[in-house]
Amino acid sequence: MKGERIQIRQDALNISNQEILSALNTTGATLSRWKNNKNEPDDITKLALAKILKTTVAYLLGETNDPAQLSICDADVEQETKFYAKEPVHTAQLDDVIFVPVVSSKIVTACCGEGSPYATDVKWEIEDYFPVPASELIGYTWQGAKYTIMTAEGSSMEPFIRSGEKVLFAEGIDIGIGDIGVFSLNDRLLIRGLIKKNGVYVLRAHNWKEYQDLEIDTKAGDFFVIGKVLKVVSARDIPPVL
């Protein structure tokens, strides 16, 4: 996707970033990655984004230079949605269970060491959905959080997060000192704790004596907060009755 075309359409229509974030239930960091061609939305979100920007998916993809949105009827919308949609992409809720998308570990993992490469320049593919009791997320749901599950690798956060375990994190909520998060630093994805040392923000491993602290500049373009880690999920977390 040609991310710069998002801003072109925003400027043409005087649409703010916040309007897009609210409509798509996503975060500023995610939108920034789209615009800077670090990542791109899934197919259904592309369609929704095109509708917000009153253009076509083809224009956003660079397949045409004509930004004009064709007049389409409901049947056309349904057909286009079927073409782009292969899997449901937003978190689905059923009674007191929320089904959270699981990112394919064949494509992206979050490293507990120095970081996994290609974290922001590849498309995250959903391989499954994992049921999480809504009661465990109620403190975050009202903030409009978007939940994702990803595989961790490496030993720097052991014994709390072991290599191969899946972590549940939430985008769109505040992360503070002492929290564990999923971060992007220099186009590498990693799980670390956030601390402040000598007035400088630092990403620290649990096994900090073995793994070097990583100093960060929160205003730099090479650093993003992907989300706050909420818990490690496993088979024993699956509710006995759905």
C-alpha atoms as a PDB file:
ATOM      1  CA  MET A   1       0.000   0.000   0.000  1.00  0.00           C
ATOM      2  CA  LYS A   2       1.182   3.535  -0.754  1.00  0.00           C
ATOM      3  CA  GLY A   3       0.906   5.015   2.727  1.00  0.00           C
ATOM      4  CA  GLU A   4       1.477   8.603   1.621  1.00  0.00           C
ATOM      5  CA  ARG A   5      -1.870   8.514  -0.170  1.00  0.00           C
ATOM      6  CA  ILE A   6      -3.649   8.329   3.171  1.00  0.00           C
ATOM      7  CA  GLN A   7      -2.354  11.781   4.081  1.00  0.00           C
ATOM      8  CA  ILE A   8      -3.104  13.105   0.590  1.00  0.00           C
ATOM      9  CA  ARG A   9      -6.766  12.134   0.960  1.00  0.00           C
ATOM     10  CA  GLN A  10      -6.887  13.420   4.547  1.00  0.00           C
ATOM     11  CA  ASP A  11      -5.645  16.820   3.407  1.00  0.00           C
ATOM     12  CA  ALA A  12      -8.056  16.884   0.476  1.00  0.00           C
ATOM     13  CA  LEU A  13     -11.048  16.092   2.691  1.00  0.00           C
ATOM     14  CA  ASN A  14      -9.807  17.804   5.875  1.00  0.00           C
ATOM     15  CA  ILE A  15     -10.066  14.550   7.836  1.00  0.00           C
ATOM     16  CA  SER A  16      -8.108  14.401  11.099  1.00  0.00           C
ATOM     17  CA  ASN A  17      -6.049  11.480  12.349  1.00  0.00           C
ATOM     18  CA  GLN A  18      -8.413  11.153  15.304  1.00  0.00           C
ATOM     19  CA  GLU A  19     -11.400  10.656  13.002  1.00  0.00           C
ATOM     20  CA  ILE A  20      -9.618   7.741  11.333  1.00  0.00           C
ATOM     21  CA  LEU A  21      -8.485   6.263  14.660  1.00  0.00           C
ATOM     22  CA  SER A  22     -11.998   6.410  16.083  1.00  0.00           C
ATOM     23  CA  ALA A  23     -13.625   4.944  12.979  1.00  0.00           C
ATOM     24  CA  LEU A  24     -11.178   2.046  12.693  1.00  0.00           C
ATOM     25  CA  ASN A  25     -10.608   1.510  16.432  1.00  0.00           C
ATOM     26  CA  THR A  26      -6.846   1.596  15.971  1.00  0.00           C
ATOM     27  CA  THR A  27      -3.897   3.529  17.417  1.00  0.00           C
ATOM     28  CA  GLY A  28      -1.808   6.487  16.330  1.00  0.00           C
ATOM     29  CA  ALA A  29       1.294   4.302  16.148  1.00  0.00           C
ATOM     30  CA  THR A  30      -0.468   1.879  13.815  1.00  0.00           C
ATOM     31  CA  LEU A  31      -1.695   4.694  11.547  1.00  0.00           C
ATOM     32  CA  SER A  32       1.826   6.147  11.476  1.00  0.00           C
ATOM     33  CA  ARG A  33       3.240   2.796  10.376  1.00  0.00           C
ATOM     34  CA  TRP A  34       0.699   2.648   7.547  1.00  0.00           C
ATOM     35  CA  LYS A  35       1.582   6.135   6.355  1.00  0.00           C
ATOM     36  CA  ASN A  36       5.307   5.431   6.490  1.00  0.00           C
ATOM     37  CA  ASN A  37       4.946   2.085   4.685  1.00  0.00           C
ATOM     38  CA  LYS A  38       6.237   0.193   7.718  1.00  0.00           C
ATOM     39  CA  ASN A  39       3.144  -1.990   7.787  1.00  0.00           C
ATOM     40  CA  GLU A  40      -0.259  -2.069   6.161  1.00  0.00           C
ATOM     41  CA  PRO A  41      -3.819  -2.763   7.305  1.00  0.00           C
ATOM     42  CA  ASP A  42      -5.575  -6.040   6.671  1.00  0.00           C
ATOM     43  CA  ASP A  43      -7.860  -6.271   3.665  1.00  0.00           C
ATOM     44  CA  ILE A  44     -11.129  -5.428   5.431  1.00  0.00           C
ATOM     45  CA  THR A  45      -9.513  -2.425   7.120  1.00  0.00           C
ATOM     46  CA  LYS A  46      -8.207  -1.253   3.739  1.00  0.00           C
ATOM     47  CA  LEU A  47     -11.788  -1.266   2.492  1.00  0.00           C
ATOM     48  CA  ALA A  48     -13.019   0.646   5.557  1.00  0.00           C
ATOM     49  CA  LEU A  49     -10.159   3.139   5.252  1.00  0.00           C
ATOM     50  CA  ALA A  50     -10.957   3.713   1.586  1.00  0.00           C
ATOM     51  CA  LYS A  51     -14.582   4.459   2.467  1.00  0.00           C
ATOM     52  CA  ILE A  52     -13.522   6.951   5.148  1.00  0.00           C
ATOM     53  CA  LEU A  53     -11.202   8.671   2.676  1.00  0.00           C
ATOM     54  CA  LYS A  54     -13.872   8.561  -0.058  1.00  0.00           C
ATOM     55  CA  THR A  55     -11.637   6.701  -2.434  1.00  0.00           C
ATOM     56  CA  THR A  56     -10.924   3.137  -3.547  1.00  0.00           C
ATOM     57  CA  VAL A  57      -8.660   0.379  -2.313  1.00  0.00           C
ATOM     58  CA  ALA A  58      -7.069   0.393  -5.757  1.00  0.00           C
ATOM     59  CA  TYR A  59      -6.030   4.015  -5.254  1.00  0.00           C
ATOM     60  CA  LEU A  60      -4.531   3.293  -1.830  1.00  0.00           C
ATOM     61  CA  LEU A  61      -2.648   0.329  -3.308  1.00  0.00           C
ATOM     62  CA  GLY A  62      -1.246   2.451  -6.132  1.00  0.00           C
ATOM     63  CA  GLU A  63      -3.077   0.477  -8.797  1.00  0.00           C
ATOM     64  CA  THR A  64      -4.699   3.664 -10.086  1.00  0.00           C
ATOM     65  CA  ASN A  65      -3.937   7.367  -9.780  1.00  0.00           C
ATOM     66  CA  ASP A  66      -7.608   8.282  -9.818  1.00  0.00           C
ATOM     67  CA  PRO A  67      -8.720   8.883  -6.203  1.00  0.00           C
ATOM     68  CA  ALA A  68     -12.384   9.269  -7.123  1.00  0.00           C
ATOM     69  CA  GLN A  69     -14.650   6.817  -5.342  1.00  0.00           C
ATOM     70  CA  LEU A  70     -17.077   5.116  -7.671  1.00  0.00           C
ATOM     71  CA  SER A  71     -20.748   5.065  -6.807  1.00  0.00           C
ATOM     72  CA  ILE A  72     -21.346   1.597  -5.442  1.00  0.00           C
ATOM     73  CA  CYS A  73     -24.526  -0.044  -4.275  1.00  0.00           C
ATOM     74  CA  ASP A  74     -24.897  -2.362  -1.298  1.00  0.00           C
ATOM     75  CA  ALA A  75     -24.448  -5.428  -3.509  1.00  0.00           C
ATOM     76  CA  ASP A  76     -21.130  -4.069  -4.788  1.00  0.00           C
ATOM     77  CA  VAL A  77     -19.964  -3.419  -1.244  1.00  0.00           C
ATOM     78  CA  GLU A  78     -20.878  -6.959  -0.239  1.00  0.00           C
ATOM     79  CA  GLN A  79     -19.045  -8.390  -3.247  1.00  0.00           C
ATOM     80  CA  GLU A  80     -15.923  -6.281  -2.599  1.00  0.00           C
ATOM     81  CA  THR A  81     -15.990  -7.249   1.057  1.00  0.00           C
ATOM     82  CA  LYS A  82     -16.076 -10.945   0.119  1.00  0.00           C
ATOM     83  CA  PHE A  83     -13.151 -10.404  -2.240  1.00  0.00           C
ATOM     84  CA  TYR A  84     -10.924  -8.771   0.364  1.00  0.00           C
ATOM     85  CA  ALA A  85     -12.094 -10.655   3.450  1.00  0.00           C
ATOM     86  CA  LYS A  86     -10.716 -14.103   4.141  1.00  0.00           C
ATOM     87  CA  GLU A  87     -10.917 -14.036   7.930  1.00  0.00           C
ATOM     88  CA  PRO A  88     -12.730 -11.858  10.466  1.00  0.00           C
ATOM     89  CA  VAL A  89     -10.226  -9.246  11.515  1.00  0.00           C
ATOM     90  CA  HIS A  90     -11.663  -7.504  14.528  1.00  0.00           C
ATOM     91  CA  THR A  91     -11.928  -9.020  17.971  1.00  0.00           C
ATOM     92  CA  ALA A  92     -15.255 -10.880  18.199  1.00  0.00           C
ATOM     93  CA  GLN A  93     -17.202 -11.129  21.445  1.00  0.00           C
ATOM     94  CA  LEU A  94     -19.627 -13.935  22.361  1.00  0.00           C
ATOM     95  CA  ASP A  95     -21.407 -13.496  25.684  1.00  0.00           C
ATOM     96  CA  ASP A  96     -18.646 -13.408  28.317  1.00  0.00           C
ATOM     97  CA  VAL A  97     -15.835 -14.605  26.020  1.00  0.00           C
ATOM     98  CA  ILE A  98     -13.745 -12.482  23.675  1.00  0.00           C
ATOM     99  CA  PHE A  99     -12.043 -14.239  20.771  1.00  0.00           C
ATOM    100  CA  VAL A 100      -8.659 -12.600  20.322  1.00  0.00           C
ATOM    101  CA  PRO A 101      -6.737 -12.946  17.025  1.00  0.00           C
ATOM    102  CA  VAL A 102      -3.454 -14.877  17.160  1.00  0.00           C
ATOM    103  CA  VAL A 103      -0.668 -13.641  14.888  1.00  0.00           C
ATOM    104  CA  SER A 104       1.048 -16.361  12.865  1.00  0.00           C
ATOM    105  CA  SER A 105       4.377 -17.240  14.479  1.00  0.00           C
ATOM    106  CA  LYS A 106       5.642 -18.237  11.027  1.00  0.00           C
ATOM    107  CA  ILE A 107       5.513 -14.578  10.037  1.00  0.00           C
ATOM    108  CA  VAL A 108       6.090 -12.506  13.193  1.00  0.00           C
ATOM    109  CA  THR A 109       7.298 -13.212  16.722  1.00  0.00           C
ATOM    110  CA  ALA A 110       8.103 -10.830  19.550  1.00  0.00           C
ATOM    111  CA  CYS A 111      11.607 -11.447  20.816  1.00  0.00           C
ATOM    112  CA  CYS A 112      12.489 -11.245  24.491  1.00  0.00           C
ATOM    113  CA  GLY A 113      16.140 -10.723  23.492  1.00  0.00           C
ATOM    114  CA  GLU A 114      17.433  -8.124  21.061  1.00  0.00           C
ATOM    115  CA  GLY A 115      14.285  -8.123  18.930  1.00  0.00           C
ATOM    116  CA  SER A 116      12.859  -9.946  15.935  1.00  0.00           C
ATOM    117  CA  PRO A 117      13.607  -8.414  12.511  1.00  0.00           C
ATOM    118  CA  TYR A 118      11.000  -7.422   9.945  1.00  0.00           C
ATOM    119  CA  ALA A 119       8.528  -6.515  12.680  1.00  0.00           C
ATOM    120  CA  THR A 120       7.050  -3.463  10.994  1.00  0.00           C
ATOM    121  CA  ASP A 121       7.519  -4.097   7.281  1.00  0.00           C
ATOM    122  CA  VAL A 122       5.588  -7.332   6.897  1.00  0.00           C
ATOM    123  CA  LYS A 123       1.885  -8.023   7.049  1.00  0.00           C
ATOM    124  CA  TRP A 124       0.730  -9.699  10.243  1.00  0.00           C
ATOM    125  CA  GLU A 125      -1.304 -12.770   9.361  1.00  0.00           C
ATOM    126  CA  ILE A 126      -3.949 -14.181  11.689  1.00  0.00           C
ATOM    127  CA  GLU A 127      -3.662 -17.943  12.166  1.00  0.00           C
ATOM    128  CA  ASP A 128      -6.300 -18.519  14.839  1.00  0.00           C
ATOM    129  CA  TYR A 129      -8.559 -16.976  17.486  1.00  0.00           C
ATOM    130  CA  PHE A 130      -8.141 -17.623  21.204  1.00  0.00           C
ATOM    131  CA  PRO A 131     -11.024 -17.323  23.711  1.00  0.00           C
ATOM    132  CA  VAL A 132     -10.299 -15.063  26.688  1.00  0.00           C
ATOM    133  CA  PRO A 133     -12.858 -14.433  29.471  1.00  0.00           C
ATOM    134  CA  ALA A 134     -14.194 -10.898  29.051  1.00  0.00           C
ATOM    135  CA  SER A 135     -13.913 -10.384  32.817  1.00  0.00           C
ATOM    136  CA  GLU A 136     -10.116 -10.471  32.485  1.00  0.00           C
ATOM    137  CA  LEU A 137     -10.191  -7.603  30.003  1.00  0.00           C
ATOM    138  CA  ILE A 138     -12.957  -5.441  31.423  1.00  0.00           C
ATOM    139  CA  GLY A 139     -10.504  -2.872  32.787  1.00  0.00           C
ATOM    140  CA  TYR A 140      -9.172  -2.227  29.295  1.00  0.00           C
ATOM    141  CA  THR A 141     -12.185  -2.719  27.059  1.00  0.00           C
ATOM    142  CA  TRP A 142     -13.760   0.607  27.972  1.00  0.00           C
ATOM    143  CA  GLN A 143     -10.594   2.350  26.730  1.00  0.00           C
ATOM    144  CA  GLY A 144     -11.175   0.962  23.248  1.00  0.00           C
ATOM    145  CA  ALA A 145      -8.240  -1.435  23.407  1.00  0.00           C
ATOM    146  CA  LYS A 146      -7.483  -3.726  20.489  1.00  0.00           C
ATOM    147  CA  TYR A 147      -6.273  -7.155  21.615  1.00  0.00           C
ATOM    148  CA  THR A 148      -3.746  -9.383  19.895  1.00  0.00           C
ATOM    149  CA  ILE A 149      -1.888 -12.570  20.835  1.00  0.00           C
ATOM    150  CA  MET A 150       1.677 -13.148  19.658  1.00  0.00           C
ATOM    151  CA  THR A 151       4.348 -15.778  20.237  1.00  0.00           C
ATOM    152  CA  ALA A 152       7.324 -14.775  22.389  1.00  0.00           C
ATOM    153  CA  GLU A 153      10.808 -16.107  21.773  1.00  0.00           C
ATOM    154  CA  GLY A 154      14.029 -15.847  23.748  1.00  0.00           C
ATOM    155  CA  SER A 155      14.797 -16.148  27.444  1.00  0.00           C
ATOM    156  CA  SER A 156      15.342 -12.582  28.637  1.00  0.00           C
ATOM    157  CA  MET A 157      11.905 -12.348  30.316  1.00  0.00           C
ATOM    158  CA  GLU A 158      11.996 -15.781  31.995  1.00  0.00           C
ATOM    159  CA  PRO A 159      10.556 -17.130  34.191  1.00  0.00           C
ATOM    160  CA  PHE A 160       7.562 -14.805  33.667  1.00  0.00           C
ATOM    161  CA  ILE A 161       7.487 -15.198  29.881  1.00  0.00           C
ATOM    162  CA  ARG A 162       9.118 -18.319  28.462  1.00  0.00           C
ATOM    163  CA  SER A 163      10.238 -18.798  24.886  1.00  0.00           C
ATOM    164  CA  GLY A 164       7.413 -20.218  22.770  1.00  0.00           C
ATOM    165  CA  GLU A 165       4.628 -18.962  25.025  1.00  0.00           C
ATOM    166  CA  LYS A 166       1.926 -16.711  23.646  1.00  0.00           C
ATOM    167  CA  VAL A 167       1.374 -13.282  25.153  1.00  0.00           C
ATOM    168  CA  LEU A 168      -1.806 -11.238  25.064  1.00  0.00           C
ATOM    169  CA  PHE A 169      -1.244  -7.522  24.569  1.00  0.00           C
ATOM    170  CA  ALA A 170      -3.503  -4.531  24.073  1.00  0.00           C
ATOM    171  CA  GLU A 171      -3.023  -1.646  21.679  1.00  0.00           C
ATOM    172  CA  GLY A 172      -4.504   1.760  22.361  1.00  0.00           C
ATOM    173  CA  ILE A 173      -3.970   1.962  26.130  1.00  0.00           C
ATOM    174  CA  ASP A 174      -1.394   3.844  28.152  1.00  0.00           C
ATOM    175  CA  ILE A 175       1.824   2.086  29.129  1.00  0.00           C
ATOM    176  CA  GLY A 176       3.710   3.343  32.156  1.00  0.00           C
ATOM    177  CA  ILE A 177       6.910   2.850  34.071  1.00  0.00           C
ATOM    178  CA  GLY A 178       7.114  -0.738  35.326  1.00  0.00           C
ATOM    179  CA  ASP A 179       4.799  -2.136  32.646  1.00  0.00           C
ATOM    180  CA  ILE A 180       5.826  -4.845  30.195  1.00  0.00           C
ATOM    181  CA  GLY A 181       5.138  -4.008  26.581  1.00  0.00           C
ATOM    182  CA  VAL A 182       5.599  -5.043  22.988  1.00  0.00           C
ATOM    183  CA  PHE A 183       7.819  -2.438  21.348  1.00  0.00           C
ATOM    184  CA  SER A 184       9.268  -1.696  17.940  1.00  0.00           C
ATOM    185  CA  LEU A 185      12.813  -0.339  18.057  1.00  0.00           C
ATOM    186  CA  ASN A 186      14.858   0.147  14.900  1.00  0.00           C
ATOM    187  CA  ASP A 187      12.413  -2.050  12.969  1.00  0.00           C
ATOM    188  CA  ARG A 188      12.784  -4.908  15.432  1.00  0.00           C
ATOM    189  CA  LEU A 189       9.986  -6.245  17.599  1.00  0.00           C
ATOM    190  CA  LEU A 190      10.690  -7.066  21.229  1.00  0.00           C
ATOM    191  CA  ILE A 191       9.103  -7.629  24.637  1.00  0.00           C
ATOM    192  CA  ARG A 192      10.660  -5.666  27.481  1.00  0.00           C
ATOM    193  CA  GLY A 193       9.781  -3.807  30.635  1.00  0.00           C
ATOM    194  CA  LEU A 194       9.742   0.002  30.570  1.00  0.00           C
ATOM    195  CA  ILE A 195      11.761   1.829  33.256  1.00  0.00           C
ATOM    196  CA  LYS A 196      13.365   5.215  33.696  1.00  0.00           C
ATOM    197  CA  LYS A 197      17.040   5.322  34.666  1.00  0.00           C
ATOM    198  CA  ASN A 198      18.948   8.560  35.229  1.00  0.00           C
ATOM    199  CA  GLY A 199      16.165  10.467  33.512  1.00  0.00           C
ATOM    200  CA  VAL A 200      16.306   8.271  30.413  1.00  0.00           C
ATOM    201  CA  TYR A 201      13.644   5.797  29.283  1.00  0.00           C
ATOM    202  CA  VAL A 202      15.014   2.280  29.097  1.00  0.00           C
ATOM    203  CA  LEU A 203      13.689  -1.064  27.866  1.00  0.00           C
ATOM    204  CA  ARG A 204      14.823  -3.661  30.386  1.00  0.00           C
ATOM    205  CA  ALA A 205      14.726  -7.449  30.355  1.00  0.00           C
ATOM    206  CA  HIS A 206      13.731  -9.364  33.464  1.00  0.00           C
ATOM    207  CA  ASN A 207      17.138 -11.032  33.310  1.00  0.00           C
ATOM    208  CA  TRP A 208      18.758  -7.595  33.082  1.00  0.00           C
ATOM    209  CA  LYS A 209      22.147  -8.805  34.324  1.00  0.00           C
ATOM    210  CA  GLU A 210      22.456 -10.964  31.223  1.00  0.00           C
ATOM    211  CA  TYR A 211      20.695  -8.720  28.698  1.00  0.00           C
ATOM    212  CA  GLN A 212      21.747  -5.143  28.056  1.00  0.00           C
ATOM    213  CA  ASP A 213      19.364  -2.276  28.779  1.00  0.00           C
ATOM    214  CA  LEU A 214      18.178  -0.493  25.645  1.00  0.00           C
ATOM    215  CA  GLU A 215      17.970   3.293  25.947  1.00  0.00           C
ATOM    216  CA  ILE A 216      15.219   4.862  23.850  1.00  0.00           C
ATOM    217  CA  ASP A 217      14.116   8.246  22.635  1.00  0.00           C
ATOM    218  CA  THR A 218      10.339   8.303  22.900  1.00  0.00           C
ATOM    219  CA  LYS A 219      10.173  11.071  20.282  1.00  0.00           C
ATOM    220  CA  ALA A 220      12.331   9.278  17.724  1.00  0.00           C
ATOM    221  CA  GLY A 221      10.750   7.889  14.585  1.00  0.00           C
ATOM    222  CA  ASP A 222      12.426   4.510  15.084  1.00  0.00           C
ATOM    223  CA  PHE A 223      10.546   3.724  18.321  1.00  0.00           C
ATOM    224  CA  PHE A 224       6.905   2.704  18.712  1.00  0.00           C
ATOM    225  CA  VAL A 225       4.840   1.263  21.523  1.00  0.00           C
ATOM    226  CA  ILE A 226       2.914  -1.597  19.937  1.00  0.00           C
ATOM    227  CA  GLY A 227       0.952  -2.536  23.048  1.00  0.00           C
ATOM    228  CA  LYS A 228       0.893  -3.383  26.726  1.00  0.00           C
ATOM    229  CA  VAL A 229       1.380  -7.041  27.689  1.00  0.00           C
ATOM    230  CA  LEU A 230      -1.552  -8.165  29.820  1.00  0.00           C
ATOM    231  CA  LYS A 231      -0.911 -11.863  30.362  1.00  0.00           C
ATOM    232  CA  VAL A 232       0.561 -15.101  29.104  1.00  0.00           C
ATOM    233  CA  VAL A 233      -2.109 -17.373  27.625  1.00  0.00           C
ATOM    234  CA  SER A 234      -2.129 -21.158  27.627  1.00  0.00           C
ATOM    235  CA  ALA A 235      -4.541 -24.048  27.262  1.00  0.00           C
ATOM    236  CA  ARG A 236      -5.576 -23.828  30.905  1.00  0.00           C
ATOM    237  CA  ASP A 237      -6.933 -20.333  30.222  1.00  0.00           C
ATOM    238  CA  ILE A 238      -9.588 -21.638  27.841  1.00  0.00           C
ATOM    239  CA  PRO A 239     -13.013 -21.470  29.527  1.00  0.00           C
ATOM    240  CA  PRO A 240     -14.514 -24.950  30.067  1.00  0.00           C
ATOM    241  CA  VAL A 241     -17.865 -23.917  28.545  1.00  0.00           C
ATOM    242  CA  LEU A 242     -18.215 -21.464  25.661  1.00  0.00           C
END
